[in-house]
Amino acid sequence: MEKLKNRLRVLRAEKDISQEVLAKAVGVSRQTIVSIEGEDYSPSVTLALKIAAYFGKRMEEVFFLEK
């Protein structure tokens, strides 16, 4: 079964931003970012696009499927 993976921790580290800063920038709670980073929650397409845009990346550069 495929699982949605992400690079949020790496991207946040590169920009030196907290989960709280990212959450406020994309309009969600810090807990939502925690859940996405922990791969316990798959974001909506809208949220995934907002996150990717925040980092100046394509969605596929932030989120990807792994078997």
C-alpha atoms as a PDB file:
ATOM      1  CA  MET A   1       0.000   0.000   0.000  1.00  0.00           C
ATOM      2  CA  GLU A   2       1.277   3.464  -0.882  1.00  0.00           C
ATOM      3  CA  LYS A   3       1.776   6.050   1.834  1.00  0.00           C
ATOM      4  CA  LEU A   4       1.925   9.821   1.484  1.00  0.00           C
ATOM      5  CA  LYS A   5       5.329  11.064   2.621  1.00  0.00           C
ATOM      6  CA  ASN A   6       6.569  14.633   2.912  1.00  0.00           C
ATOM      7  CA  ARG A   7       9.670  16.785   3.294  1.00  0.00           C
ATOM      8  CA  LEU A   8       8.197  19.366   5.681  1.00  0.00           C
ATOM      9  CA  ARG A   9      10.790  18.953   8.438  1.00  0.00           C
ATOM     10  CA  VAL A  10      13.647  19.363   5.978  1.00  0.00           C
ATOM     11  CA  LEU A  11      12.057  22.369   4.283  1.00  0.00           C
ATOM     12  CA  ARG A  12      11.299  24.027   7.614  1.00  0.00           C
ATOM     13  CA  ALA A  13      14.890  23.452   8.742  1.00  0.00           C
ATOM     14  CA  GLU A  14      16.227  24.977   5.522  1.00  0.00           C
ATOM     15  CA  LYS A  15      14.123  28.113   6.142  1.00  0.00           C
ATOM     16  CA  ASP A  16      14.718  27.962   9.907  1.00  0.00           C
ATOM     17  CA  ILE A  17      11.015  28.268  10.732  1.00  0.00           C
ATOM     18  CA  SER A  18       8.910  26.638  13.420  1.00  0.00           C
ATOM     19  CA  GLN A  19       5.799  24.545  12.984  1.00  0.00           C
ATOM     20  CA  GLU A  20       3.847  27.485  14.433  1.00  0.00           C
ATOM     21  CA  VAL A  21       5.154  29.911  11.794  1.00  0.00           C
ATOM     22  CA  LEU A  22       4.271  27.514   8.980  1.00  0.00           C
ATOM     23  CA  ALA A  23       0.848  26.817  10.480  1.00  0.00           C
ATOM     24  CA  LYS A  24      -0.015  30.523  10.686  1.00  0.00           C
ATOM     25  CA  ALA A  25       1.251  31.136   7.153  1.00  0.00           C
ATOM     26  CA  VAL A  26      -1.052  28.484   5.669  1.00  0.00           C
ATOM     27  CA  GLY A  27      -4.000  29.006   8.028  1.00  0.00           C
ATOM     28  CA  VAL A  28      -4.008  25.844  10.128  1.00  0.00           C
ATOM     29  CA  SER A  29      -3.122  24.885  13.699  1.00  0.00           C
ATOM     30  CA  ARG A  30       0.363  23.823  14.739  1.00  0.00           C
ATOM     31  CA  GLN A  31      -1.126  20.421  15.595  1.00  0.00           C
ATOM     32  CA  THR A  32      -2.157  20.000  11.941  1.00  0.00           C
ATOM     33  CA  ILE A  33       1.445  20.582  10.870  1.00  0.00           C
ATOM     34  CA  VAL A  34       2.632  18.115  13.550  1.00  0.00           C
ATOM     35  CA  SER A  35       0.205  15.493  12.198  1.00  0.00           C
ATOM     36  CA  ILE A  36       1.234  16.072   8.579  1.00  0.00           C
ATOM     37  CA  GLU A  37       4.944  15.888   9.434  1.00  0.00           C
ATOM     38  CA  GLY A  38       4.353  12.697  11.411  1.00  0.00           C
ATOM     39  CA  GLU A  39       2.513  11.299   8.387  1.00  0.00           C
ATOM     40  CA  ASP A  40      -0.536  10.637  10.552  1.00  0.00           C
ATOM     41  CA  TYR A  41      -2.659  13.021   8.467  1.00  0.00           C
ATOM     42  CA  SER A  42      -2.833  13.608   4.717  1.00  0.00           C
ATOM     43  CA  PRO A  43      -3.588  17.234   3.891  1.00  0.00           C
ATOM     44  CA  SER A  44      -6.263  18.269   1.435  1.00  0.00           C
ATOM     45  CA  VAL A  45      -5.056  19.197  -2.034  1.00  0.00           C
ATOM     46  CA  THR A  46      -5.755  22.849  -1.195  1.00  0.00           C
ATOM     47  CA  LEU A  47      -3.630  22.721   1.947  1.00  0.00           C
ATOM     48  CA  ALA A  48      -0.852  20.785   0.198  1.00  0.00           C
ATOM     49  CA  LEU A  49      -0.764  23.459  -2.522  1.00  0.00           C
ATOM     50  CA  LYS A  50      -0.628  26.250   0.080  1.00  0.00           C
ATOM     51  CA  ILE A  51       2.254  24.544   1.862  1.00  0.00           C
ATOM     52  CA  ALA A  52       4.150  23.968  -1.380  1.00  0.00           C
ATOM     53  CA  ALA A  53       3.596  27.593  -2.436  1.00  0.00           C
ATOM     54  CA  TYR A  54       4.874  28.827   0.924  1.00  0.00           C
ATOM     55  CA  PHE A  55       8.170  27.058   0.241  1.00  0.00           C
ATOM     56  CA  GLY A  56       8.235  28.060  -3.437  1.00  0.00           C
ATOM     57  CA  LYS A  57       8.068  24.416  -4.494  1.00  0.00           C
ATOM     58  CA  ARG A  58       5.834  22.253  -6.646  1.00  0.00           C
ATOM     59  CA  MET A  59       3.523  20.027  -4.631  1.00  0.00           C
ATOM     60  CA  GLU A  60       5.439  16.938  -5.817  1.00  0.00           C
ATOM     61  CA  GLU A  61       8.633  18.381  -4.325  1.00  0.00           C
ATOM     62  CA  VAL A  62       7.016  18.496  -0.876  1.00  0.00           C
ATOM     63  CA  PHE A  63       4.659  15.500  -0.934  1.00  0.00           C
ATOM     64  CA  PHE A  64       5.245  12.117  -2.589  1.00  0.00           C
ATOM     65  CA  LEU A  65       3.995   8.539  -2.518  1.00  0.00           C
ATOM     66  CA  GLU A  66       6.126   5.725  -1.181  1.00  0.00           C
ATOM     67  CA  LYS A  67       5.358   2.021  -1.497  1.00  0.00           C
END
